């Protein structure tokens, strides 16, 4: 579960303010 948070955190930090809806749906 923590890995998912890190994944999203890194994605947001990369500059993806609007990640794909599929990622959010996970």
PDB file of N, CA and C in Angstrom:
ATOM      1  N   UNK A   1       0.848  -1.202   0.000  1.00  0.00           N
ATOM      2  CA  UNK A   1       0.000   0.000   0.000  1.00  0.00           C
ATOM      3  C   UNK A   1       0.878   1.245   0.000  1.00  0.00           C
ATOM      4  N   UNK A   2       1.952   1.212   0.759  1.00  0.00           N
ATOM      5  CA  UNK A   2       2.865   2.364   0.809  1.00  0.00           C
ATOM      6  C   UNK A   2       3.518   2.590  -0.546  1.00  0.00           C
ATOM      7  N   UNK A   3       3.792   1.499  -1.248  1.00  0.00           N
ATOM      8  CA  UNK A   3       4.430   1.627  -2.576  1.00  0.00           C
ATOM      9  C   UNK A   3       3.552   2.448  -3.513  1.00  0.00           C
ATOM     10  N   UNK A   4       2.244   2.259  -3.413  1.00  0.00           N
ATOM     11  CA  UNK A   4       1.319   3.008  -4.278  1.00  0.00           C
ATOM     12  C   UNK A   4       1.442   4.493  -3.982  1.00  0.00           C
ATOM     13  N   UNK A   5       1.525   4.844  -2.707  1.00  0.00           N
ATOM     14  CA  UNK A   5       1.654   6.261  -2.325  1.00  0.00           C
ATOM     15  C   UNK A   5       2.943   6.830  -2.898  1.00  0.00           C
ATOM     16  N   UNK A   6       4.015   6.082  -2.798  1.00  0.00           N
ATOM     17  CA  UNK A   6       5.309   6.544  -3.321  1.00  0.00           C
ATOM     18  C   UNK A   6       5.225   6.713  -4.830  1.00  0.00           C
ATOM     19  N   UNK A   7       4.565   5.762  -5.492  1.00  0.00           N
ATOM     20  CA  UNK A   7       4.425   5.829  -6.954  1.00  0.00           C
ATOM     21  C   UNK A   7       3.685   7.099  -7.354  1.00  0.00           C
ATOM     22  N   UNK A   8       2.568   7.358  -6.690  1.00  0.00           N
ATOM     23  CA  UNK A   8       1.778   8.565  -6.999  1.00  0.00           C
ATOM     24  C   UNK A   8       2.582   9.809  -6.645  1.00  0.00           C
ATOM     25  N   UNK A   9       3.259   9.758  -5.503  1.00  0.00           N
ATOM     26  CA  UNK A   9       4.057  10.912  -5.058  1.00  0.00           C
ATOM     27  C   UNK A   9       5.120  11.260  -6.098  1.00  0.00           C
ATOM     28  N   UNK A  10       5.830  10.250  -6.569  1.00  0.00           N
ATOM     29  CA  UNK A  10       6.886  10.497  -7.569  1.00  0.00           C
ATOM     30  C   UNK A  10       6.275  11.006  -8.869  1.00  0.00           C
ATOM     31  N   UNK A  11       5.144  10.424  -9.259  1.00  0.00           N
ATOM     32  CA  UNK A  11       4.492  10.855 -10.502  1.00  0.00           C
ATOM     33  C   UNK A  11       4.108  12.323 -10.410  1.00  0.00           C
ATOM     34  N   UNK A  12       3.556  12.726  -9.263  1.00  0.00           N
ATOM     35  CA  UNK A  12       3.144  14.129  -9.096  1.00  0.00           C
ATOM     36  C   UNK A  12       4.376  15.023  -9.115  1.00  0.00           C
ATOM     37  N   UNK A  13       5.452  14.553  -8.464  1.00  0.00           N
ATOM     38  CA  UNK A  13       6.672  15.364  -8.401  1.00  0.00           C
ATOM     39  C   UNK A  13       7.333  15.464  -9.770  1.00  0.00           C
ATOM     40  N   UNK A  14       7.098  14.473 -10.624  1.00  0.00           N
ATOM     41  CA  UNK A  14       7.700  14.485 -11.967  1.00  0.00           C
ATOM     42  C   UNK A  14       7.138  15.637 -12.785  1.00  0.00           C
ATOM     43  N   UNK A  15       5.946  16.125 -12.430  1.00  0.00           N
ATOM     44  CA  UNK A  15       5.344  17.221 -13.178  1.00  0.00           C
ATOM     45  C   UNK A  15       4.031  16.787 -13.796  1.00  0.00           C
ATOM     46  N   UNK A  16       3.545  15.593 -13.395  1.00  0.00           N
ATOM     47  CA  UNK A  16       2.254  15.127 -13.927  1.00  0.00           C
ATOM     48  C   UNK A  16       1.143  15.570 -12.989  1.00  0.00           C
ATOM     49  N   UNK A  17       0.726  16.813 -13.114  1.00  0.00           N
ATOM     50  CA  UNK A  17      -0.330  17.333 -12.241  1.00  0.00           C
ATOM     51  C   UNK A  17      -1.647  16.618 -12.529  1.00  0.00           C
ATOM     52  N   UNK A  18      -1.779  16.065 -13.744  1.00  0.00           N
ATOM     53  CA  UNK A  18      -3.026  15.371 -14.107  1.00  0.00           C
ATOM     54  C   UNK A  18      -2.708  13.967 -14.602  1.00  0.00           C
ATOM     55  N   UNK A  19      -2.447  13.048 -13.675  1.00  0.00           N
ATOM     56  CA  UNK A  19      -2.139  11.664 -14.064  1.00  0.00           C
ATOM     57  C   UNK A  19      -3.333  11.012 -14.750  1.00  0.00           C
ATOM     58  N   UNK A  20      -3.092   9.919 -15.444  1.00  0.00           N
ATOM     59  CA  UNK A  20      -4.180   9.247 -16.157  1.00  0.00           C
ATOM     60  C   UNK A  20      -5.254   8.781 -15.174  1.00  0.00           C
ATOM     61  N   UNK A  21      -6.502   8.828 -15.585  1.00  0.00           N
ATOM     62  CA  UNK A  21      -7.615   8.411 -14.715  1.00  0.00           C
ATOM     63  C   UNK A  21      -7.463   6.963 -14.265  1.00  0.00           C
ATOM     64  N   UNK A  22      -6.829   6.138 -15.074  1.00  0.00           N
ATOM     65  CA  UNK A  22      -6.637   4.732 -14.699  1.00  0.00           C
ATOM     66  C   UNK A  22      -5.766   4.640 -13.448  1.00  0.00           C
ATOM     67  N   UNK A  23      -4.742   5.483 -13.369  1.00  0.00           N
ATOM     68  CA  UNK A  23      -3.871   5.458 -12.197  1.00  0.00           C
ATOM     69  C   UNK A  23      -4.646   5.896 -10.964  1.00  0.00           C
ATOM     70  N   UNK A  24      -5.496   6.915 -11.123  1.00  0.00           N
ATOM     71  CA  UNK A  24      -6.281   7.411  -9.986  1.00  0.00           C
ATOM     72  C   UNK A  24      -7.315   6.364  -9.575  1.00  0.00           C
ATOM     73  N   UNK A  25      -7.868   5.672 -10.555  1.00  0.00           N
ATOM     74  CA  UNK A  25      -8.891   4.667 -10.260  1.00  0.00           C
ATOM     75  C   UNK A  25      -8.328   3.508  -9.470  1.00  0.00           C
ATOM     76  N   UNK A  26      -6.983   3.347  -9.540  1.00  0.00           N
ATOM     77  CA  UNK A  26      -6.396   2.221  -8.827  1.00  0.00           C
ATOM     78  C   UNK A  26      -6.474   2.527  -7.351  1.00  0.00           C
TER      79      UNK A  26
END
